[in-house]
């Protein structure tokens, strides 16, 4: 890992911006940035933010969502947590807290502004981005994103895997709360997942 990337990662680990100088209400708990980075990983998972279980473990996707995501990708845990091959860089590095209904709040807006551009400038080897949820899709796809997540995922062109670098595959969140979405949109498992698994396997 290069010195600049090492310094960035160290600074992220020590970040207290959302507690000490937040853009809005401060983070309601101690920061615990959770991400997985190396200078050799060719695949990057861009999710939303850690949930309660990940905040407790300090390891990304140590929850049922992670189980489903690994199944979608066709990888085992050893492959998934091999940072030399897979980077995991959520839109918000820390658990953002819960809303009044007990759901996760959106990723903190400070993280992308502070870190994301500089971080990806140090990761030119990334060949495949897995964009999980609307926040990641908005940041990485810009105007190419559809009006809704369903439209974005459904309109994804597998041909872009050969024409873009890094290539991107937009995905819904693998949360079990999305079971109804998956049932309503069977084309996702029938058409998108085979392409996803093939693209991931080709880059491991």
N, C-alpha and C. Protein backbone atom coordinates (compact mmCIF):
# COMPACT_ATOMS: atom_id res chain seq x y z
N UNK A 1 0.85 -1.19 0.00
CA UNK A 1 0.00 0.00 0.00
C UNK A 1 0.89 1.24 0.00
N UNK A 2 0.59 2.19 -0.90
CA UNK A 2 1.39 3.40 -1.00
C UNK A 2 1.23 4.30 0.22
N UNK A 3 2.18 5.21 0.38
CA UNK A 3 2.17 6.08 1.55
C UNK A 3 0.95 6.98 1.62
N UNK A 4 0.54 7.50 0.46
CA UNK A 4 -0.62 8.40 0.45
C UNK A 4 -1.88 7.64 0.88
N UNK A 5 -2.05 6.42 0.34
CA UNK A 5 -3.21 5.62 0.71
C UNK A 5 -3.15 5.22 2.18
N UNK A 6 -1.98 4.87 2.67
CA UNK A 6 -1.83 4.53 4.09
C UNK A 6 -2.20 5.71 4.97
N UNK A 7 -1.77 6.90 4.58
CA UNK A 7 -2.07 8.11 5.37
C UNK A 7 -3.57 8.40 5.33
N UNK A 8 -4.19 8.27 4.17
CA UNK A 8 -5.63 8.48 4.06
C UNK A 8 -6.39 7.52 4.96
N UNK A 9 -6.02 6.25 4.92
CA UNK A 9 -6.70 5.25 5.73
C UNK A 9 -6.51 5.53 7.21
N UNK A 10 -5.30 5.94 7.59
CA UNK A 10 -5.04 6.29 8.98
C UNK A 10 -5.90 7.48 9.42
N UNK A 11 -6.00 8.48 8.56
CA UNK A 11 -6.80 9.66 8.88
C UNK A 11 -8.28 9.30 9.00
N UNK A 12 -8.75 8.41 8.14
CA UNK A 12 -10.15 7.98 8.21
C UNK A 12 -10.41 7.24 9.52
N UNK A 13 -9.50 6.38 9.90
CA UNK A 13 -9.67 5.62 11.15
C UNK A 13 -9.77 6.54 12.36
N UNK A 14 -9.10 7.69 12.29
CA UNK A 14 -9.06 8.62 13.41
C UNK A 14 -10.11 9.74 13.31
N UNK A 15 -10.91 9.71 12.24
CA UNK A 15 -11.82 10.82 11.97
C UNK A 15 -12.87 10.98 13.07
N UNK A 16 -13.06 12.23 13.52
CA UNK A 16 -14.10 12.57 14.50
C UNK A 16 -14.92 13.76 14.02
N UNK A 17 -14.90 14.01 12.73
CA UNK A 17 -15.55 15.19 12.18
C UNK A 17 -17.04 15.25 12.56
N UNK A 18 -17.74 14.11 12.43
CA UNK A 18 -19.19 14.10 12.67
C UNK A 18 -19.56 14.27 14.14
N UNK A 19 -18.56 14.14 15.01
CA UNK A 19 -18.79 14.36 16.44
C UNK A 19 -18.40 15.77 16.85
N UNK A 20 -17.26 16.23 16.36
CA UNK A 20 -16.69 17.49 16.84
C UNK A 20 -17.08 18.69 15.99
N UNK A 21 -17.18 18.52 14.67
CA UNK A 21 -17.54 19.64 13.79
C UNK A 21 -18.52 19.17 12.71
N UNK A 22 -19.66 18.62 13.11
CA UNK A 22 -20.59 18.05 12.13
C UNK A 22 -21.28 19.11 11.28
N UNK A 23 -21.76 18.68 10.11
CA UNK A 23 -22.51 19.58 9.24
C UNK A 23 -23.94 19.75 9.73
N UNK A 24 -24.42 18.77 10.49
CA UNK A 24 -25.78 18.83 11.04
C UNK A 24 -25.72 18.35 12.49
N UNK A 25 -26.69 17.58 12.92
CA UNK A 25 -26.64 17.03 14.27
C UNK A 25 -25.44 16.10 14.40
N UNK A 26 -24.76 16.12 15.53
CA UNK A 26 -23.57 15.28 15.67
C UNK A 26 -23.92 13.80 15.71
N UNK A 27 -22.96 12.98 15.34
CA UNK A 27 -23.11 11.53 15.45
C UNK A 27 -23.43 11.19 16.90
N UNK A 28 -24.46 10.38 17.16
CA UNK A 28 -24.91 10.16 18.54
C UNK A 28 -24.10 9.13 19.33
N UNK A 29 -22.94 8.73 18.81
CA UNK A 29 -22.10 7.75 19.49
C UNK A 29 -20.67 7.94 19.02
N UNK A 30 -19.76 7.19 19.61
CA UNK A 30 -18.36 7.28 19.20
C UNK A 30 -18.19 6.78 17.77
N UNK A 31 -17.39 7.47 16.96
CA UNK A 31 -17.17 7.02 15.59
C UNK A 31 -16.44 5.67 15.57
N UNK A 32 -16.79 4.85 14.59
CA UNK A 32 -16.06 3.61 14.35
C UNK A 32 -16.09 3.34 12.84
N UNK A 33 -15.18 3.98 12.10
CA UNK A 33 -15.18 3.78 10.64
C UNK A 33 -14.93 2.31 10.30
N UNK A 34 -15.74 1.80 9.37
CA UNK A 34 -15.63 0.41 8.95
C UNK A 34 -15.47 0.38 7.43
N UNK A 35 -14.32 -0.06 6.97
CA UNK A 35 -14.06 -0.18 5.55
C UNK A 35 -12.93 -1.18 5.34
N UNK A 36 -12.75 -1.60 4.10
CA UNK A 36 -11.74 -2.60 3.75
C UNK A 36 -11.07 -2.13 2.46
N UNK A 37 -9.76 -1.87 2.52
CA UNK A 37 -9.07 -1.23 1.39
C UNK A 37 -7.69 -1.85 1.19
N UNK A 38 -7.30 -1.94 -0.08
CA UNK A 38 -5.92 -2.26 -0.40
C UNK A 38 -5.60 -1.64 -1.76
N UNK A 39 -4.34 -1.65 -2.11
CA UNK A 39 -3.92 -1.10 -3.40
C UNK A 39 -3.94 -2.14 -4.50
N UNK A 40 -4.42 -3.35 -4.20
CA UNK A 40 -4.45 -4.41 -5.21
C UNK A 40 -5.86 -4.89 -5.53
N UNK A 41 -6.84 -4.57 -4.71
CA UNK A 41 -8.21 -5.05 -4.93
C UNK A 41 -8.75 -4.54 -6.27
N UNK A 42 -9.30 -5.44 -7.06
CA UNK A 42 -9.85 -5.07 -8.36
C UNK A 42 -11.37 -4.88 -8.30
N UNK A 43 -11.98 -5.34 -7.23
CA UNK A 43 -13.41 -5.21 -7.04
C UNK A 43 -13.66 -4.29 -5.84
N UNK A 44 -14.62 -3.40 -5.97
CA UNK A 44 -14.98 -2.52 -4.85
C UNK A 44 -16.48 -2.55 -4.62
N UNK A 45 -16.87 -2.81 -3.40
CA UNK A 45 -18.27 -2.76 -3.00
C UNK A 45 -18.54 -1.40 -2.36
N UNK A 46 -19.43 -0.64 -2.96
CA UNK A 46 -19.81 0.66 -2.43
C UNK A 46 -21.22 0.55 -1.87
N UNK A 47 -21.32 0.41 -0.57
CA UNK A 47 -22.62 0.28 0.08
C UNK A 47 -23.07 1.58 0.68
N UNK A 48 -23.94 1.50 1.69
CA UNK A 48 -24.50 2.70 2.31
C UNK A 48 -23.71 3.11 3.55
N UNK A 49 -23.87 2.39 4.64
CA UNK A 49 -23.16 2.68 5.88
C UNK A 49 -23.31 1.47 6.79
N UNK A 50 -22.42 1.30 7.76
CA UNK A 50 -22.55 0.18 8.68
C UNK A 50 -23.86 0.24 9.46
N UNK A 51 -24.42 -0.94 9.76
CA UNK A 51 -25.57 -1.03 10.64
C UNK A 51 -25.13 -1.33 12.06
N UNK A 52 -26.06 -1.66 12.92
CA UNK A 52 -25.74 -1.86 14.34
C UNK A 52 -24.78 -3.05 14.54
N UNK A 53 -25.01 -4.14 13.83
CA UNK A 53 -24.15 -5.31 14.02
C UNK A 53 -22.73 -5.04 13.52
N UNK A 54 -22.63 -4.36 12.40
CA UNK A 54 -21.30 -4.05 11.86
C UNK A 54 -20.59 -3.03 12.74
N UNK A 55 -21.34 -2.08 13.28
CA UNK A 55 -20.74 -1.12 14.21
C UNK A 55 -20.15 -1.85 15.43
N UNK A 56 -20.85 -2.89 15.88
CA UNK A 56 -20.36 -3.66 17.03
C UNK A 56 -19.16 -4.51 16.68
N UNK A 57 -19.17 -5.12 15.50
CA UNK A 57 -18.08 -6.04 15.13
C UNK A 57 -16.87 -5.32 14.55
N UNK A 58 -17.10 -4.18 13.90
CA UNK A 58 -16.01 -3.48 13.22
C UNK A 58 -15.60 -4.13 11.92
N UNK A 59 -16.40 -5.10 11.45
CA UNK A 59 -16.11 -5.82 10.21
C UNK A 59 -17.30 -5.64 9.27
N UNK A 60 -17.07 -5.24 8.01
CA UNK A 60 -18.20 -4.96 7.11
C UNK A 60 -19.03 -6.20 6.79
N UNK A 61 -20.33 -5.99 6.71
CA UNK A 61 -21.28 -7.02 6.27
C UNK A 61 -21.25 -8.28 7.13
N UNK A 62 -21.08 -8.13 8.44
CA UNK A 62 -21.21 -9.27 9.35
C UNK A 62 -22.65 -9.34 9.86
N UNK A 63 -23.56 -9.55 8.93
CA UNK A 63 -24.99 -9.56 9.24
C UNK A 63 -25.70 -10.33 8.12
N UNK A 64 -27.01 -10.54 8.23
CA UNK A 64 -27.73 -11.26 7.19
C UNK A 64 -27.60 -10.61 5.80
N UNK A 65 -27.48 -9.28 5.76
CA UNK A 65 -27.27 -8.62 4.47
C UNK A 65 -25.98 -9.09 3.82
N UNK A 66 -24.96 -9.27 4.64
CA UNK A 66 -23.69 -9.77 4.12
C UNK A 66 -23.81 -11.18 3.58
N UNK A 67 -24.57 -12.01 4.27
CA UNK A 67 -24.79 -13.38 3.78
C UNK A 67 -25.43 -13.37 2.41
N UNK A 68 -26.44 -12.53 2.25
CA UNK A 68 -27.12 -12.46 0.96
C UNK A 68 -26.21 -11.87 -0.11
N UNK A 69 -25.46 -10.84 0.23
CA UNK A 69 -24.56 -10.22 -0.74
C UNK A 69 -23.52 -11.22 -1.22
N UNK A 70 -22.95 -11.99 -0.32
CA UNK A 70 -21.97 -13.00 -0.72
C UNK A 70 -22.60 -14.04 -1.65
N UNK A 71 -23.85 -14.39 -1.36
CA UNK A 71 -24.55 -15.33 -2.25
C UNK A 71 -24.77 -14.70 -3.62
N UNK A 72 -25.19 -13.45 -3.65
CA UNK A 72 -25.37 -12.76 -4.93
C UNK A 72 -24.07 -12.76 -5.73
N UNK A 73 -22.95 -12.51 -5.06
CA UNK A 73 -21.66 -12.41 -5.74
C UNK A 73 -21.07 -13.77 -6.09
N UNK A 74 -21.53 -14.82 -5.41
CA UNK A 74 -20.97 -16.14 -5.64
C UNK A 74 -19.60 -16.30 -5.02
N UNK A 75 -19.39 -15.70 -3.83
CA UNK A 75 -18.09 -15.80 -3.15
C UNK A 75 -18.30 -16.35 -1.75
N UNK A 76 -17.24 -16.94 -1.20
CA UNK A 76 -17.30 -17.38 0.19
C UNK A 76 -16.72 -16.30 1.10
N UNK A 77 -16.75 -16.53 2.40
CA UNK A 77 -16.29 -15.51 3.34
C UNK A 77 -14.81 -15.22 3.18
N UNK A 78 -14.00 -16.26 2.95
CA UNK A 78 -12.56 -16.03 2.79
C UNK A 78 -12.29 -15.12 1.60
N UNK A 79 -12.99 -15.32 0.51
CA UNK A 79 -12.80 -14.46 -0.67
C UNK A 79 -13.32 -13.06 -0.38
N UNK A 80 -14.46 -12.98 0.25
CA UNK A 80 -15.09 -11.68 0.51
C UNK A 80 -14.22 -10.80 1.39
N UNK A 81 -13.60 -11.39 2.40
CA UNK A 81 -12.79 -10.60 3.34
C UNK A 81 -11.30 -10.58 2.99
N UNK A 82 -10.96 -11.00 1.80
CA UNK A 82 -9.58 -10.90 1.32
C UNK A 82 -9.39 -9.50 0.75
N UNK A 83 -8.85 -8.60 1.55
CA UNK A 83 -8.74 -7.21 1.14
C UNK A 83 -7.81 -7.01 -0.05
N UNK A 84 -6.98 -7.99 -0.33
CA UNK A 84 -6.11 -7.87 -1.50
C UNK A 84 -6.92 -8.01 -2.79
N UNK A 85 -8.16 -8.54 -2.68
CA UNK A 85 -8.98 -8.76 -3.87
C UNK A 85 -10.27 -7.97 -3.88
N UNK A 86 -10.84 -7.69 -2.70
CA UNK A 86 -12.11 -6.98 -2.63
C UNK A 86 -12.00 -5.82 -1.65
N UNK A 87 -12.30 -4.62 -2.12
CA UNK A 87 -12.38 -3.44 -1.26
C UNK A 87 -13.85 -3.20 -0.91
N UNK A 88 -14.09 -2.69 0.29
CA UNK A 88 -15.44 -2.36 0.73
C UNK A 88 -15.41 -0.93 1.26
N UNK A 89 -16.05 -0.03 0.51
CA UNK A 89 -15.97 1.40 0.82
C UNK A 89 -17.38 1.98 0.84
N UNK A 90 -18.05 1.97 1.99
CA UNK A 90 -19.42 2.50 2.05
C UNK A 90 -19.46 4.01 1.87
N UNK A 91 -20.63 4.52 1.58
CA UNK A 91 -20.79 5.97 1.43
C UNK A 91 -20.55 6.68 2.75
N UNK A 92 -20.98 6.07 3.84
CA UNK A 92 -20.69 6.59 5.17
C UNK A 92 -19.89 5.54 5.92
N UNK A 93 -18.78 5.91 6.50
CA UNK A 93 -17.89 4.92 7.13
C UNK A 93 -18.37 4.50 8.51
N UNK A 94 -19.16 5.33 9.17
CA UNK A 94 -19.62 5.03 10.52
C UNK A 94 -21.13 4.77 10.54
N UNK A 95 -21.55 3.97 11.49
CA UNK A 95 -22.98 3.74 11.72
C UNK A 95 -23.64 5.09 12.01
N UNK A 96 -24.66 5.49 11.22
CA UNK A 96 -25.23 6.83 11.38
C UNK A 96 -26.25 6.97 12.50
N UNK A 97 -26.65 5.86 13.12
CA UNK A 97 -27.67 5.91 14.15
C UNK A 97 -29.03 5.47 13.61
N UNK A 98 -30.02 5.47 14.48
CA UNK A 98 -31.35 4.99 14.13
C UNK A 98 -32.36 6.13 14.10
N UNK A 99 -33.36 5.99 13.24
CA UNK A 99 -34.42 6.98 13.20
C UNK A 99 -35.50 6.63 14.24
N UNK A 100 -36.56 7.41 14.28
CA UNK A 100 -37.59 7.23 15.31
C UNK A 100 -38.30 5.88 15.20
N UNK A 101 -38.26 5.28 14.02
CA UNK A 101 -38.92 3.98 13.80
C UNK A 101 -37.97 2.80 13.98
N UNK A 102 -36.72 3.08 14.34
CA UNK A 102 -35.76 2.02 14.55
C UNK A 102 -35.00 1.59 13.32
N UNK A 103 -35.18 2.31 12.21
CA UNK A 103 -34.42 2.03 11.00
C UNK A 103 -33.13 2.82 10.96
N UNK A 104 -32.19 2.39 10.14
CA UNK A 104 -30.92 3.11 10.02
C UNK A 104 -31.14 4.47 9.36
N UNK A 105 -30.49 5.48 9.90
CA UNK A 105 -30.48 6.79 9.26
C UNK A 105 -29.66 6.73 7.96
N UNK A 106 -29.83 7.71 7.08
CA UNK A 106 -29.01 7.73 5.86
C UNK A 106 -27.53 7.89 6.20
N UNK A 107 -26.66 7.50 5.28
CA UNK A 107 -25.22 7.72 5.51
C UNK A 107 -24.94 9.20 5.76
N UNK A 108 -23.99 9.48 6.61
CA UNK A 108 -23.60 10.86 6.88
C UNK A 108 -23.09 11.52 5.60
N UNK A 109 -23.48 12.76 5.39
CA UNK A 109 -23.07 13.47 4.18
C UNK A 109 -21.61 13.92 4.24
N UNK A 110 -21.06 13.97 5.46
CA UNK A 110 -19.70 14.46 5.58
C UNK A 110 -18.66 13.53 4.94
N UNK A 111 -18.91 12.21 5.01
CA UNK A 111 -17.91 11.25 4.54
C UNK A 111 -17.52 11.44 3.08
N UNK A 112 -18.49 11.43 2.14
CA UNK A 112 -18.09 11.61 0.74
C UNK A 112 -17.35 12.92 0.50
N UNK A 113 -17.83 13.98 1.16
CA UNK A 113 -17.21 15.29 0.97
C UNK A 113 -15.77 15.31 1.46
N UNK A 114 -15.52 14.64 2.57
CA UNK A 114 -14.18 14.66 3.17
C UNK A 114 -13.21 13.69 2.51
N UNK A 115 -13.69 12.52 2.11
CA UNK A 115 -12.76 11.43 1.81
C UNK A 115 -12.87 10.80 0.43
N UNK A 116 -14.07 10.76 -0.15
CA UNK A 116 -14.29 9.82 -1.25
C UNK A 116 -13.46 10.11 -2.50
N UNK A 117 -13.42 11.33 -2.95
CA UNK A 117 -12.68 11.67 -4.16
C UNK A 117 -11.20 11.35 -4.00
N UNK A 118 -10.61 11.79 -2.90
CA UNK A 118 -9.19 11.53 -2.67
C UNK A 118 -8.89 10.04 -2.55
N UNK A 119 -9.81 9.32 -1.93
CA UNK A 119 -9.61 7.89 -1.73
C UNK A 119 -9.58 7.16 -3.06
N UNK A 120 -10.55 7.43 -3.92
CA UNK A 120 -10.60 6.72 -5.20
C UNK A 120 -9.49 7.15 -6.16
N UNK A 121 -8.95 8.33 -5.95
CA UNK A 121 -7.79 8.72 -6.75
C UNK A 121 -6.58 7.83 -6.46
N UNK A 122 -6.56 7.22 -5.29
CA UNK A 122 -5.46 6.33 -4.90
C UNK A 122 -5.76 4.87 -5.22
N UNK A 123 -6.89 4.61 -5.90
CA UNK A 123 -7.28 3.23 -6.20
C UNK A 123 -7.52 3.04 -7.70
N UNK A 124 -6.53 3.35 -8.53
CA UNK A 124 -6.73 3.25 -9.98
C UNK A 124 -6.87 1.81 -10.47
N UNK A 125 -6.54 0.83 -9.63
CA UNK A 125 -6.60 -0.56 -10.05
C UNK A 125 -8.00 -1.14 -10.01
N UNK A 126 -8.95 -0.41 -9.41
CA UNK A 126 -10.32 -0.92 -9.32
C UNK A 126 -10.91 -1.08 -10.72
N UNK A 127 -11.41 -2.28 -11.00
CA UNK A 127 -12.00 -2.57 -12.31
C UNK A 127 -13.52 -2.72 -12.27
N UNK A 128 -14.05 -3.06 -11.10
CA UNK A 128 -15.48 -3.34 -10.99
C UNK A 128 -16.04 -2.73 -9.72
N UNK A 129 -17.06 -1.89 -9.87
CA UNK A 129 -17.74 -1.28 -8.74
C UNK A 129 -19.11 -1.91 -8.59
N UNK A 130 -19.42 -2.41 -7.39
CA UNK A 130 -20.74 -2.89 -7.08
C UNK A 130 -21.44 -1.79 -6.27
N UNK A 131 -22.42 -1.15 -6.88
CA UNK A 131 -23.05 0.03 -6.29
C UNK A 131 -24.36 -0.36 -5.63
N UNK A 132 -24.33 -0.44 -4.30
CA UNK A 132 -25.47 -0.95 -3.53
C UNK A 132 -26.30 0.21 -3.01
N UNK A 133 -27.50 0.35 -3.55
CA UNK A 133 -28.43 1.37 -3.06
C UNK A 133 -28.28 2.70 -3.77
N UNK A 134 -29.28 3.54 -3.56
CA UNK A 134 -29.36 4.81 -4.27
C UNK A 134 -28.26 5.80 -3.95
N UNK A 135 -27.76 5.81 -2.72
CA UNK A 135 -26.73 6.79 -2.36
C UNK A 135 -25.44 6.53 -3.14
N UNK A 136 -25.02 5.28 -3.20
CA UNK A 136 -23.81 4.93 -3.96
C UNK A 136 -24.02 5.14 -5.45
N UNK A 137 -25.20 4.80 -5.93
CA UNK A 137 -25.48 4.96 -7.36
C UNK A 137 -25.48 6.43 -7.75
N UNK A 138 -26.05 7.29 -6.92
CA UNK A 138 -26.07 8.72 -7.21
C UNK A 138 -24.66 9.28 -7.29
N UNK A 139 -23.81 8.91 -6.32
CA UNK A 139 -22.45 9.48 -6.27
C UNK A 139 -21.60 8.98 -7.43
N UNK A 140 -21.66 7.69 -7.70
CA UNK A 140 -20.75 7.10 -8.69
C UNK A 140 -21.27 7.17 -10.12
N UNK A 141 -22.60 7.18 -10.30
CA UNK A 141 -23.16 7.17 -11.65
C UNK A 141 -23.58 8.55 -12.12
N UNK A 142 -23.86 9.45 -11.18
CA UNK A 142 -24.28 10.79 -11.57
C UNK A 142 -25.55 10.77 -12.41
N UNK A 143 -25.57 11.54 -13.50
CA UNK A 143 -26.79 11.62 -14.32
C UNK A 143 -27.14 10.32 -15.05
N UNK A 144 -26.23 9.35 -15.08
CA UNK A 144 -26.52 8.07 -15.73
C UNK A 144 -27.48 7.22 -14.89
N UNK A 145 -27.66 7.61 -13.64
CA UNK A 145 -28.59 6.88 -12.79
C UNK A 145 -30.03 7.14 -13.22
N UNK A 146 -30.89 6.12 -13.11
CA UNK A 146 -32.29 6.28 -13.44
C UNK A 146 -33.05 7.09 -12.40
N UNK A 147 -34.33 7.28 -12.65
CA UNK A 147 -35.14 8.06 -11.73
C UNK A 147 -35.38 7.33 -10.41
N UNK A 148 -35.35 6.01 -10.46
CA UNK A 148 -35.54 5.19 -9.26
C UNK A 148 -34.47 4.10 -9.24
N UNK A 149 -34.31 3.48 -8.08
CA UNK A 149 -33.37 2.38 -7.99
C UNK A 149 -33.77 1.24 -8.92
N UNK A 150 -35.06 0.93 -8.95
CA UNK A 150 -35.52 -0.16 -9.82
C UNK A 150 -35.19 0.12 -11.28
N UNK A 151 -35.41 1.34 -11.71
CA UNK A 151 -35.10 1.72 -13.09
C UNK A 151 -33.60 1.62 -13.35
N UNK A 152 -32.80 2.06 -12.39
CA UNK A 152 -31.35 2.02 -12.55
C UNK A 152 -30.84 0.59 -12.70
N UNK A 153 -31.32 -0.30 -11.83
CA UNK A 153 -30.87 -1.69 -11.87
C UNK A 153 -31.39 -2.38 -13.12
N UNK A 154 -32.65 -2.18 -13.45
CA UNK A 154 -33.26 -2.85 -14.59
C UNK A 154 -32.63 -2.43 -15.92
N UNK A 155 -32.22 -1.16 -16.02
CA UNK A 155 -31.68 -0.64 -17.28
C UNK A 155 -30.18 -0.83 -17.41
N UNK A 156 -29.55 -1.45 -16.43
CA UNK A 156 -28.11 -1.66 -16.51
C UNK A 156 -27.75 -2.51 -17.72
N UNK A 157 -26.70 -2.09 -18.43
CA UNK A 157 -26.27 -2.76 -19.65
C UNK A 157 -25.04 -3.63 -19.38
N UNK A 158 -25.15 -4.96 -19.47
CA UNK A 158 -24.00 -5.82 -19.25
C UNK A 158 -22.83 -5.52 -20.19
N UNK A 159 -23.12 -4.91 -21.33
CA UNK A 159 -22.05 -4.55 -22.25
C UNK A 159 -21.07 -3.55 -21.66
N UNK A 160 -21.52 -2.80 -20.65
CA UNK A 160 -20.64 -1.82 -20.02
C UNK A 160 -19.46 -2.48 -19.30
N UNK A 161 -19.58 -3.76 -18.99
CA UNK A 161 -18.47 -4.47 -18.35
C UNK A 161 -17.24 -4.51 -19.23
N UNK A 162 -17.44 -4.40 -20.54
CA UNK A 162 -16.32 -4.45 -21.49
C UNK A 162 -15.89 -3.07 -21.95
N UNK A 163 -16.73 -2.06 -21.75
CA UNK A 163 -16.43 -0.74 -22.30
C UNK A 163 -16.07 0.30 -21.26
N UNK A 164 -16.32 0.02 -20.00
CA UNK A 164 -16.05 1.01 -18.95
C UNK A 164 -15.00 0.51 -17.96
N UNK A 165 -14.19 1.43 -17.45
CA UNK A 165 -13.26 1.11 -16.37
C UNK A 165 -13.18 2.28 -15.42
N UNK A 166 -13.57 2.09 -14.18
CA UNK A 166 -14.16 0.85 -13.69
C UNK A 166 -15.57 0.65 -14.20
N UNK A 167 -15.94 -0.59 -14.43
CA UNK A 167 -17.31 -0.91 -14.76
C UNK A 167 -18.13 -0.89 -13.48
N UNK A 168 -19.43 -0.65 -13.62
CA UNK A 168 -20.30 -0.56 -12.45
C UNK A 168 -21.52 -1.46 -12.63
N UNK A 169 -21.91 -2.13 -11.55
CA UNK A 169 -23.15 -2.88 -11.53
C UNK A 169 -24.01 -2.33 -10.39
N UNK A 170 -25.13 -1.68 -10.70
CA UNK A 170 -26.00 -1.17 -9.64
C UNK A 170 -26.85 -2.30 -9.06
N UNK A 171 -26.97 -2.31 -7.75
CA UNK A 171 -27.69 -3.37 -7.05
C UNK A 171 -28.64 -2.79 -6.00
N UNK A 172 -29.72 -3.48 -5.70
CA UNK A 172 -30.52 -3.10 -4.53
C UNK A 172 -29.75 -3.48 -3.27
N UNK A 173 -30.19 -2.97 -2.14
CA UNK A 173 -29.55 -3.39 -0.89
C UNK A 173 -29.92 -4.83 -0.60
N UNK A 174 -28.96 -5.65 -0.14
CA UNK A 174 -29.27 -7.06 0.13
C UNK A 174 -30.00 -7.31 1.44
N UNK A 175 -30.50 -6.27 2.05
CA UNK A 175 -31.26 -6.42 3.30
C UNK A 175 -32.47 -7.32 3.09
N UNK A 176 -32.80 -8.08 4.14
CA UNK A 176 -33.99 -8.92 4.09
C UNK A 176 -35.26 -8.08 4.04
N UNK A 177 -35.14 -6.79 4.32
CA UNK A 177 -36.29 -5.90 4.18
C UNK A 177 -36.68 -5.73 2.71
N UNK A 178 -35.80 -6.11 1.81
CA UNK A 178 -36.07 -5.99 0.38
C UNK A 178 -36.63 -7.28 -0.21
N UNK A 179 -37.08 -8.21 0.62
CA UNK A 179 -37.65 -9.45 0.11
C UNK A 179 -38.82 -9.18 -0.83
N UNK A 180 -39.66 -8.22 -0.49
CA UNK A 180 -40.82 -7.90 -1.33
C UNK A 180 -40.37 -7.38 -2.68
N UNK A 181 -39.30 -6.55 -2.69
CA UNK A 181 -38.78 -6.02 -3.95
C UNK A 181 -38.26 -7.16 -4.83
N UNK A 182 -37.54 -8.09 -4.23
CA UNK A 182 -36.99 -9.21 -5.00
C UNK A 182 -38.10 -10.09 -5.57
N UNK A 183 -39.15 -10.28 -4.78
CA UNK A 183 -40.27 -11.09 -5.26
C UNK A 183 -41.01 -10.38 -6.40
N UNK A 184 -41.09 -9.07 -6.32
CA UNK A 184 -41.79 -8.29 -7.33
C UNK A 184 -40.97 -8.14 -8.61
N UNK A 185 -39.66 -8.30 -8.49
CA UNK A 185 -38.76 -8.09 -9.63
C UNK A 185 -37.91 -9.33 -9.88
N UNK A 186 -38.51 -10.43 -10.34
CA UNK A 186 -37.76 -11.68 -10.53
C UNK A 186 -36.67 -11.58 -11.59
N UNK A 187 -36.76 -10.60 -12.46
CA UNK A 187 -35.72 -10.40 -13.48
C UNK A 187 -34.36 -10.15 -12.85
N UNK A 188 -34.34 -9.62 -11.62
CA UNK A 188 -33.05 -9.33 -10.98
C UNK A 188 -32.25 -10.62 -10.79
N UNK A 189 -32.87 -11.63 -10.20
CA UNK A 189 -32.17 -12.89 -9.97
C UNK A 189 -31.95 -13.65 -11.27
N UNK A 190 -32.87 -13.52 -12.21
CA UNK A 190 -32.77 -14.27 -13.45
C UNK A 190 -31.74 -13.68 -14.41
N UNK A 191 -31.67 -12.35 -14.47
CA UNK A 191 -30.84 -11.70 -15.49
C UNK A 191 -29.58 -11.03 -14.93
N UNK A 192 -29.71 -10.37 -13.77
CA UNK A 192 -28.59 -9.59 -13.25
C UNK A 192 -27.60 -10.46 -12.48
N UNK A 193 -28.08 -11.36 -11.63
CA UNK A 193 -27.17 -12.13 -10.79
C UNK A 193 -26.18 -12.99 -11.58
N UNK A 194 -26.58 -13.66 -12.66
CA UNK A 194 -25.57 -14.40 -13.42
C UNK A 194 -24.45 -13.51 -13.96
N UNK A 195 -24.82 -12.31 -14.42
CA UNK A 195 -23.81 -11.36 -14.92
C UNK A 195 -22.91 -10.90 -13.78
N UNK A 196 -23.52 -10.64 -12.61
CA UNK A 196 -22.75 -10.22 -11.45
C UNK A 196 -21.73 -11.28 -11.05
N UNK A 197 -22.17 -12.51 -10.93
CA UNK A 197 -21.28 -13.59 -10.49
C UNK A 197 -20.15 -13.81 -11.49
N UNK A 198 -20.47 -13.74 -12.77
CA UNK A 198 -19.44 -13.91 -13.80
C UNK A 198 -18.41 -12.78 -13.73
N UNK A 199 -18.88 -11.55 -13.57
CA UNK A 199 -17.98 -10.40 -13.51
C UNK A 199 -17.09 -10.46 -12.29
N UNK A 200 -17.64 -10.86 -11.16
CA UNK A 200 -16.86 -10.97 -9.93
C UNK A 200 -15.82 -12.06 -10.08
N UNK A 201 -16.22 -13.24 -10.55
CA UNK A 201 -15.29 -14.36 -10.67
C UNK A 201 -14.14 -14.05 -11.61
N UNK A 202 -14.42 -13.29 -12.66
CA UNK A 202 -13.38 -12.95 -13.64
C UNK A 202 -12.31 -12.03 -13.04
N UNK A 203 -12.64 -11.35 -11.93
CA UNK A 203 -11.71 -10.37 -11.37
C UNK A 203 -11.13 -10.80 -10.03
N UNK A 204 -11.46 -11.99 -9.59
CA UNK A 204 -10.87 -12.49 -8.34
C UNK A 204 -9.52 -13.15 -8.62
